[in-house]
C-alpha atoms as a PDB file:
ATOM      1  CA  MET A   1      -4.584  25.767  23.580  1.00  0.00           C
ATOM      2  CA  GLN A   2      -8.131  24.626  22.899  1.00  0.00           C
ATOM      3  CA  LYS A   3      -7.864  25.529  19.093  1.00  0.00           C
ATOM      4  CA  GLN A   4      -4.492  23.540  18.703  1.00  0.00           C
ATOM      5  CA  VAL A   5      -6.186  20.473  20.240  1.00  0.00           C
ATOM      6  CA  SER A   6      -9.202  20.683  17.878  1.00  0.00           C
ATOM      7  CA  GLN A   7      -6.990  21.286  14.871  1.00  0.00           C
ATOM      8  CA  GLY A   8      -4.935  18.125  15.824  1.00  0.00           C
ATOM      9  CA  ASN A   9      -8.173  16.169  16.095  1.00  0.00           C
ATOM     10  CA  LEU A  10      -9.280  17.300  12.717  1.00  0.00           C
ATOM     11  CA  LEU A  11      -5.953  16.287  11.160  1.00  0.00           C
ATOM     12  CA  LYS A  12      -6.173  13.010  12.968  1.00  0.00           C
ATOM     13  CA  SER A  13      -9.712  12.329  11.873  1.00  0.00           C
ATOM     14  CA  TYR A  14      -8.791  13.315   8.301  1.00  0.00           C
ATOM     15  CA  ILE A  15      -5.838  10.898   8.214  1.00  0.00           C
ATOM     16  CA  GLU A  16      -7.920   8.060   9.764  1.00  0.00           C
ATOM     17  CA  GLU A  17     -10.658   8.609   7.089  1.00  0.00           C
ATOM     18  CA  ARG A  18      -8.214   8.653   4.382  1.00  0.00           C
ATOM     19  CA  ALA A  19      -6.687   5.497   5.550  1.00  0.00           C
ATOM     20  CA  ILE A  20     -10.052   3.757   5.393  1.00  0.00           C
ATOM     21  CA  GLU A  21     -10.829   5.192   1.978  1.00  0.00           C
ATOM     22  CA  ILE A  22      -7.502   3.926   0.645  1.00  0.00           C
ATOM     23  CA  ALA A  23      -8.022   0.420   1.827  1.00  0.00           C
ATOM     24  CA  ARG A  24     -11.593   0.355   0.522  1.00  0.00           C
ATOM     25  CA  TYR A  25     -10.172   1.521  -2.837  1.00  0.00           C
ATOM     26  CA  ILE A  26      -7.396  -1.159  -2.808  1.00  0.00           C
ATOM     27  CA  ILE A  27      -9.964  -3.796  -1.966  1.00  0.00           C
ATOM     28  CA  ASP A  28     -12.687  -2.788  -4.393  1.00  0.00           C
ATOM     29  CA  ASN A  29     -10.355  -2.189  -7.385  1.00  0.00           C
ATOM     30  CA  ASN A  30      -7.650  -4.739  -6.654  1.00  0.00           C
ATOM     31  CA  ALA A  31      -5.320  -1.653  -6.933  1.00  0.00           C
ATOM     32  CA  THR A  32      -1.689  -1.427  -6.625  1.00  0.00           C
ATOM     33  CA  VAL A  33       0.088   0.977  -4.252  1.00  0.00           C
ATOM     34  CA  ARG A  34       1.059   3.085  -7.310  1.00  0.00           C
ATOM     35  CA  GLN A  35      -2.437   3.228  -8.718  1.00  0.00           C
ATOM     36  CA  THR A  36      -3.781   4.121  -5.310  1.00  0.00           C
ATOM     37  CA  ALA A  37      -1.325   6.935  -4.756  1.00  0.00           C
ATOM     38  CA  LYS A  38      -2.324   8.282  -8.155  1.00  0.00           C
ATOM     39  CA  GLN A  39      -5.931   8.260  -7.490  1.00  0.00           C
ATOM     40  CA  PHE A  40      -5.659   9.848  -4.112  1.00  0.00           C
ATOM     41  CA  GLY A  41      -2.867  12.292  -5.192  1.00  0.00           C
ATOM     42  CA  ILE A  42      -0.592  11.161  -2.461  1.00  0.00           C
ATOM     43  CA  SER A  43       2.653   9.401  -2.445  1.00  0.00           C
ATOM     44  CA  LYS A  44       3.320   5.656  -2.486  1.00  0.00           C
ATOM     45  CA  SER A  45       4.955   5.729   0.778  1.00  0.00           C
ATOM     46  CA  THR A  46       1.778   7.549   2.202  1.00  0.00           C
ATOM     47  CA  VAL A  47      -0.279   4.799   0.905  1.00  0.00           C
ATOM     48  CA  HIS A  48       1.976   2.259   2.403  1.00  0.00           C
ATOM     49  CA  LYS A  49       2.032   3.880   5.671  1.00  0.00           C
ATOM     50  CA  ASP A  50      -1.612   4.291   5.903  1.00  0.00           C
ATOM     51  CA  VAL A  51      -2.224   0.554   5.206  1.00  0.00           C
ATOM     52  CA  THR A  52       0.609  -0.949   7.123  1.00  0.00           C
ATOM     53  CA  GLU A  53       0.918   1.236  10.256  1.00  0.00           C
ATOM     54  CA  ARG A  54      -2.092   3.523  10.705  1.00  0.00           C
ATOM     55  CA  LEU A  55      -5.031   1.303   9.509  1.00  0.00           C
ATOM     56  CA  PRO A  56      -4.389  -1.645  11.770  1.00  0.00           C
ATOM     57  CA  GLU A  57      -4.965   0.540  14.818  1.00  0.00           C
ATOM     58  CA  ILE A  58      -8.213   1.952  13.388  1.00  0.00           C
ATOM     59  CA  ASN A  59      -9.722  -1.242  11.574  1.00  0.00           C
ATOM     60  CA  PRO A  60      -7.682  -4.318  11.909  1.00  0.00           C
ATOM     61  CA  GLY A  61      -9.974  -6.383   9.655  1.00  0.00           C
ATOM     62  CA  LEU A  62      -9.985  -3.934   6.902  1.00  0.00           C
ATOM     63  CA  ALA A  63      -6.236  -3.558   7.009  1.00  0.00           C
ATOM     64  CA  LYS A  64      -5.796  -7.243   6.833  1.00  0.00           C
ATOM     65  CA  SER A  65      -7.932  -7.420   3.718  1.00  0.00           C
ATOM     66  CA  ALA A  66      -6.071  -4.487   2.026  1.00  0.00           C
ATOM     67  CA  ARG A  67      -2.830  -5.954   2.876  1.00  0.00           C
ATOM     68  CA  LYS A  68      -3.712  -9.373   1.083  1.00  0.00           C
ATOM     69  CA  VAL A  69      -4.497  -7.428  -2.104  1.00  0.00           C
ATOM     70  CA  LEU A  70      -1.391  -5.517  -1.884  1.00  0.00           C
ATOM     71  CA  ASP A  71       0.691  -8.747  -1.110  1.00  0.00           C
ATOM     72  CA  VAL A  72      -0.832 -10.399  -4.156  1.00  0.00           C
ATOM     73  CA  ASN A  73      -0.003  -7.232  -6.438  1.00  0.00           C
ATOM     74  CA  LYS A  74       3.626  -7.281  -4.939  1.00  0.00           C
ATOM     75  CA  SER A  75       4.053 -11.003  -5.831  1.00  0.00           C
ATOM     76  CA  GLU A  76       2.832 -10.335  -9.380  1.00  0.00           C
ATOM     77  CA  ARG A  77       4.544  -7.246 -10.208  1.00  0.00           C
ATOM     78  CA  HIS A  78       7.499  -8.724 -11.941  1.00  0.00           C
ATOM     79  CA  ILE A  79       4.965 -10.294 -14.436  1.00  0.00           C
ATOM     80  CA  ARG A  80       3.216  -7.095 -15.013  1.00  0.00           C
ATOM     81  CA  GLY A  81       6.622  -5.328 -15.581  1.00  0.00           C
ATOM     82  CA  GLY A  82       7.712  -8.017 -17.979  1.00  0.00           C
ATOM     83  CA  LEU A  83       4.308  -7.769 -19.905  1.00  0.00           C
ATOM     84  CA  ALA A  84       4.726  -3.971 -20.117  1.00  0.00           C
ATOM     85  CA  THR A  85       8.257  -4.380 -21.527  1.00  0.00           C
ATOM     86  CA  ARG A  86       7.215  -6.785 -23.955  1.00  0.00           C
ATOM     87  CA  GLU A  87       4.292  -4.687 -25.156  1.00  0.00           C
ATOM     88  CA  LYS A  88       6.699  -1.671 -25.641  1.00  0.00           C
ATOM     89  CA  TYR A  89       9.126  -3.725 -27.673  1.00  0.00           C
ATOM     90  CA  LEU A  90       6.233  -5.226 -29.819  1.00  0.00           C
ATOM     91  CA  HIS A  91       4.937  -1.779 -30.692  1.00  0.00           C
ATOM     92  CA  HIS A  92       8.307   0.014 -31.242  1.00  0.00           C
ATOM     93  CA  HIS A  93      10.286  -2.691 -33.090  1.00  0.00           C
ATOM     94  CA  MET A  94       7.742  -3.607 -35.760  1.00  0.00           C
END
C-alpha cells in the first residue's frame, strides 16, 4: 500500500511541475497551445487541461497570466491562419 501511495504522489508532483513549466513557457514565449504541445511532446488537450484545470489549483496567478496569453493567441488565430494560406499561395502560384 505504501508503494502505491508514493508512486501516486510522484505522478501528482510530476503533473503539477509540468503544468507550471508549461505556463512559464507559454508566458515567456507568447506560445500557442500547438507550439507548447510540440515543445513538451504532449497533446494539445493535455496543455489545455494543465493550464485551465490543474494550474489554477496549484498557482492561480500563473494560471491567469498563461490564460491571458492563450486568449490573445486564440483571438488572433484566424489572422495567422489567413497569413499562412496567403504565403502558401504566393509561393506555389508564382
